[in-house]
Amino acid sequence: MSPTNRSRTARAWLLPLLALGVGVLGMVALWLAVYLYFRSTAGWLAVLAALDIVFMMRLAAAPAGRLRASLALAGTAAAIAASYWMMVATQMGLLLGLSPLESSQRLGPVLAGELVRHATSPWDIAWAALALALAWRLGR
């Protein structure tokens, strides 16, 4: 592959990667807002996250194939993980008088894992598994 083709290929993936980041951050913000309003983890939002990530990748004209499906899957997993992390950080931050961002920086993975384990139901796990399968299928 010539150097000009490599740079053209890299530029072709720049917008889809940016859209992926925007989609993940947007879903984390939406999920956190729903959590704060309803005081529920709202596991069904994982499916909405998958649809949002896939839509953002298609909107940014990411070439179809396994790479786009893998990025959609990774983006959905990142949105789910970051959303649960921020929910737990917000919960701990309210108890300790910290903002969610400060609390998320100080929260350790063991405590986060325990709090997520206690906060989630089997339905939340099922929604997340469905969302990951949906992201792979629609991402291709």
C-alpha atoms as a PDB file:
ATOM      1  CA  MET A   1       0.000   0.000   0.000  1.00  0.00           C
ATOM      2  CA  SER A   2       1.413   3.353  -0.959  1.00  0.00           C
ATOM      3  CA  PRO A   3       1.824   6.132   1.629  1.00  0.00           C
ATOM      4  CA  THR A   4      -0.985   8.179   0.088  1.00  0.00           C
ATOM      5  CA  ASN A   5      -3.403   5.253   0.308  1.00  0.00           C
ATOM      6  CA  ARG A   6      -2.477   4.672   3.960  1.00  0.00           C
ATOM      7  CA  SER A   7      -3.148   8.295   4.879  1.00  0.00           C
ATOM      8  CA  ARG A   8      -6.420   8.232   2.936  1.00  0.00           C
ATOM      9  CA  THR A   9      -7.494   5.113   4.838  1.00  0.00           C
ATOM     10  CA  ALA A  10      -6.520   6.695   8.158  1.00  0.00           C
ATOM     11  CA  ARG A  11      -8.524   9.819   7.304  1.00  0.00           C
ATOM     12  CA  ALA A  12     -11.517   7.675   6.317  1.00  0.00           C
ATOM     13  CA  TRP A  13     -11.639   6.253   9.862  1.00  0.00           C
ATOM     14  CA  LEU A  14     -11.061   9.567  11.659  1.00  0.00           C
ATOM     15  CA  LEU A  15     -14.703  10.712  11.536  1.00  0.00           C
ATOM     16  CA  PRO A  16     -16.145   7.296  12.528  1.00  0.00           C
ATOM     17  CA  LEU A  17     -13.798   7.103  15.526  1.00  0.00           C
ATOM     18  CA  LEU A  18     -14.785  10.611  16.550  1.00  0.00           C
ATOM     19  CA  ALA A  19     -18.454   9.666  16.158  1.00  0.00           C
ATOM     20  CA  LEU A  20     -17.835   6.581  18.279  1.00  0.00           C
ATOM     21  CA  GLY A  21     -16.400   8.713  21.076  1.00  0.00           C
ATOM     22  CA  VAL A  22     -19.268  11.186  20.884  1.00  0.00           C
ATOM     23  CA  GLY A  23     -21.788   8.348  20.930  1.00  0.00           C
ATOM     24  CA  VAL A  24     -20.225   6.728  23.991  1.00  0.00           C
ATOM     25  CA  LEU A  25     -19.978   9.992  25.938  1.00  0.00           C
ATOM     26  CA  GLY A  26     -23.503  10.995  24.961  1.00  0.00           C
ATOM     27  CA  MET A  27     -24.932   7.692  26.132  1.00  0.00           C
ATOM     28  CA  VAL A  28     -23.051   7.901  29.422  1.00  0.00           C
ATOM     29  CA  ALA A  29     -24.521  11.365  30.006  1.00  0.00           C
ATOM     30  CA  LEU A  30     -28.039  10.228  29.111  1.00  0.00           C
ATOM     31  CA  TRP A  31     -27.784   7.077  31.235  1.00  0.00           C
ATOM     32  CA  LEU A  32     -26.515   9.063  34.215  1.00  0.00           C
ATOM     33  CA  ALA A  33     -29.370  11.561  33.854  1.00  0.00           C
ATOM     34  CA  VAL A  34     -31.932   8.722  33.793  1.00  0.00           C
ATOM     35  CA  TYR A  35     -30.251   7.170  36.837  1.00  0.00           C
ATOM     36  CA  LEU A  36     -30.384  10.432  38.773  1.00  0.00           C
ATOM     37  CA  TYR A  37     -34.022  11.049  37.879  1.00  0.00           C
ATOM     38  CA  PHE A  38     -35.427   7.557  38.482  1.00  0.00           C
ATOM     39  CA  ARG A  39     -32.840   6.181  40.974  1.00  0.00           C
ATOM     40  CA  SER A  40     -32.738   3.001  38.915  1.00  0.00           C
ATOM     41  CA  THR A  41     -29.942   1.500  36.824  1.00  0.00           C
ATOM     42  CA  ALA A  42     -32.294   1.297  33.803  1.00  0.00           C
ATOM     43  CA  GLY A  43     -30.537  -1.632  32.151  1.00  0.00           C
ATOM     44  CA  TRP A  44     -32.739  -1.299  29.071  1.00  0.00           C
ATOM     45  CA  LEU A  45     -30.668   1.737  28.097  1.00  0.00           C
ATOM     46  CA  ALA A  46     -27.920  -0.686  27.028  1.00  0.00           C
ATOM     47  CA  VAL A  47     -29.999  -1.529  23.952  1.00  0.00           C
ATOM     48  CA  LEU A  48     -30.449   2.173  23.240  1.00  0.00           C
ATOM     49  CA  ALA A  49     -26.676   2.586  23.593  1.00  0.00           C
ATOM     50  CA  ALA A  50     -26.078  -0.149  21.019  1.00  0.00           C
ATOM     51  CA  LEU A  51     -28.523   1.436  18.585  1.00  0.00           C
ATOM     52  CA  ASP A  52     -26.968   4.870  19.135  1.00  0.00           C
ATOM     53  CA  ILE A  53     -23.422   3.630  18.559  1.00  0.00           C
ATOM     54  CA  VAL A  54     -24.401   1.728  15.413  1.00  0.00           C
ATOM     55  CA  PHE A  55     -26.298   4.762  14.113  1.00  0.00           C
ATOM     56  CA  MET A  56     -23.346   7.048  14.803  1.00  0.00           C
ATOM     57  CA  MET A  57     -20.963   4.693  12.971  1.00  0.00           C
ATOM     58  CA  ARG A  58     -23.264   4.520   9.944  1.00  0.00           C
ATOM     59  CA  LEU A  59     -23.871   8.261  10.025  1.00  0.00           C
ATOM     60  CA  ALA A  60     -20.103   8.838   9.945  1.00  0.00           C
ATOM     61  CA  ALA A  61     -19.862   6.540   6.878  1.00  0.00           C
ATOM     62  CA  ALA A  62     -17.688   3.872   8.475  1.00  0.00           C
ATOM     63  CA  PRO A  63     -17.055   1.143   5.904  1.00  0.00           C
ATOM     64  CA  ALA A  64     -19.211  -1.918   6.493  1.00  0.00           C
ATOM     65  CA  GLY A  65     -17.588  -5.102   7.712  1.00  0.00           C
ATOM     66  CA  ARG A  66     -16.052  -6.763  10.714  1.00  0.00           C
ATOM     67  CA  LEU A  67     -14.075  -3.685  11.735  1.00  0.00           C
ATOM     68  CA  ARG A  68     -17.199  -1.535  11.997  1.00  0.00           C
ATOM     69  CA  ALA A  69     -18.989  -4.328  13.868  1.00  0.00           C
ATOM     70  CA  SER A  70     -16.034  -4.685  16.246  1.00  0.00           C
ATOM     71  CA  LEU A  71     -15.967  -0.937  16.879  1.00  0.00           C
ATOM     72  CA  ALA A  72     -19.724  -0.906  17.490  1.00  0.00           C
ATOM     73  CA  LEU A  73     -19.340  -3.791  19.925  1.00  0.00           C
ATOM     74  CA  ALA A  74     -16.425  -2.115  21.720  1.00  0.00           C
ATOM     75  CA  GLY A  75     -18.255   1.216  21.849  1.00  0.00           C
ATOM     76  CA  THR A  76     -21.353  -0.404  23.299  1.00  0.00           C
ATOM     77  CA  ALA A  77     -19.294  -2.247  25.912  1.00  0.00           C
ATOM     78  CA  ALA A  78     -17.484   0.989  26.776  1.00  0.00           C
ATOM     79  CA  ALA A  79     -20.781   2.882  27.111  1.00  0.00           C
ATOM     80  CA  ILE A  80     -22.215   0.202  29.398  1.00  0.00           C
ATOM     81  CA  ALA A  81     -19.086   0.024  31.558  1.00  0.00           C
ATOM     82  CA  ALA A  82     -18.605   3.782  31.795  1.00  0.00           C
ATOM     83  CA  SER A  83     -22.281   4.317  32.605  1.00  0.00           C
ATOM     84  CA  TYR A  84     -22.239   1.837  35.452  1.00  0.00           C
ATOM     85  CA  TRP A  85     -18.952   3.313  36.689  1.00  0.00           C
ATOM     86  CA  MET A  86     -20.452   6.801  36.733  1.00  0.00           C
ATOM     87  CA  MET A  87     -23.629   5.592  38.456  1.00  0.00           C
ATOM     88  CA  VAL A  88     -21.573   4.008  41.219  1.00  0.00           C
ATOM     89  CA  ALA A  89     -19.315   7.065  41.438  1.00  0.00           C
ATOM     90  CA  THR A  90     -22.344   9.332  41.732  1.00  0.00           C
ATOM     91  CA  GLN A  91     -23.803   7.152  44.456  1.00  0.00           C
ATOM     92  CA  MET A  92     -20.546   7.224  46.435  1.00  0.00           C
ATOM     93  CA  GLY A  93     -19.990  10.893  45.716  1.00  0.00           C
ATOM     94  CA  LEU A  94     -23.352  11.816  47.210  1.00  0.00           C
ATOM     95  CA  LEU A  95     -22.448   9.970  50.388  1.00  0.00           C
ATOM     96  CA  LEU A  96     -19.012  11.575  50.662  1.00  0.00           C
ATOM     97  CA  GLY A  97     -19.854  15.080  49.465  1.00  0.00           C
ATOM     98  CA  LEU A  98     -17.907  14.774  46.204  1.00  0.00           C
ATOM     99  CA  SER A  99     -18.950  15.583  42.678  1.00  0.00           C
ATOM    100  CA  PRO A 100     -19.494  12.579  40.372  1.00  0.00           C
ATOM    101  CA  LEU A 101     -16.315  13.394  38.448  1.00  0.00           C
ATOM    102  CA  GLU A 102     -14.179  13.646  41.602  1.00  0.00           C
ATOM    103  CA  SER A 103     -15.687  10.460  42.943  1.00  0.00           C
ATOM    104  CA  SER A 104     -15.128   8.594  39.657  1.00  0.00           C
ATOM    105  CA  GLN A 105     -11.424   9.452  39.763  1.00  0.00           C
ATOM    106  CA  ARG A 106     -11.052   8.153  43.332  1.00  0.00           C
ATOM    107  CA  LEU A 107     -13.213   5.048  42.983  1.00  0.00           C
ATOM    108  CA  GLY A 108     -11.357   1.747  42.842  1.00  0.00           C
ATOM    109  CA  PRO A 109     -12.332  -1.203  40.653  1.00  0.00           C
ATOM    110  CA  VAL A 110     -13.061  -3.559  43.577  1.00  0.00           C
ATOM    111  CA  LEU A 111     -15.506  -1.187  45.262  1.00  0.00           C
ATOM    112  CA  ALA A 112     -17.069  -0.305  41.918  1.00  0.00           C
ATOM    113  CA  GLY A 113     -17.507  -3.973  41.092  1.00  0.00           C
ATOM    114  CA  GLU A 114     -19.177  -4.699  44.411  1.00  0.00           C
ATOM    115  CA  LEU A 115     -21.544  -1.764  44.134  1.00  0.00           C
ATOM    116  CA  VAL A 116     -22.448  -2.669  40.548  1.00  0.00           C
ATOM    117  CA  ARG A 117     -23.018  -6.283  41.609  1.00  0.00           C
ATOM    118  CA  HIS A 118     -25.457  -5.159  44.293  1.00  0.00           C
ATOM    119  CA  ALA A 119     -27.201  -2.612  42.078  1.00  0.00           C
ATOM    120  CA  THR A 120     -27.810  -4.776  39.021  1.00  0.00           C
ATOM    121  CA  SER A 121     -30.451  -7.398  38.541  1.00  0.00           C
ATOM    122  CA  PRO A 122     -30.419 -10.386  36.186  1.00  0.00           C
ATOM    123  CA  TRP A 123     -32.539  -8.286  33.826  1.00  0.00           C
ATOM    124  CA  ASP A 124     -29.801  -5.656  33.626  1.00  0.00           C
ATOM    125  CA  ILE A 125     -27.301  -8.367  32.664  1.00  0.00           C
ATOM    126  CA  ALA A 126     -29.718  -9.712  30.058  1.00  0.00           C
ATOM    127  CA  TRP A 127     -30.229  -6.244  28.566  1.00  0.00           C
ATOM    128  CA  ALA A 128     -26.454  -5.763  28.353  1.00  0.00           C
ATOM    129  CA  ALA A 129     -25.959  -9.146  26.647  1.00  0.00           C
ATOM    130  CA  LEU A 130     -28.741  -8.351  24.182  1.00  0.00           C
ATOM    131  CA  ALA A 131     -27.197  -4.950  23.496  1.00  0.00           C
ATOM    132  CA  LEU A 132     -23.782  -6.451  22.726  1.00  0.00           C
ATOM    133  CA  ALA A 133     -25.291  -9.004  20.346  1.00  0.00           C
ATOM    134  CA  LEU A 134     -27.357  -6.281  18.695  1.00  0.00           C
ATOM    135  CA  ALA A 135     -24.334  -4.014  18.286  1.00  0.00           C
ATOM    136  CA  TRP A 136     -22.401  -6.797  16.535  1.00  0.00           C
ATOM    137  CA  ARG A 137     -25.305  -7.756  14.257  1.00  0.00           C
ATOM    138  CA  LEU A 138     -26.333  -4.250  13.243  1.00  0.00           C
ATOM    139  CA  GLY A 139     -22.759  -2.999  13.103  1.00  0.00           C
ATOM    140  CA  ARG A 140     -21.877  -5.169  10.129  1.00  0.00           C
END
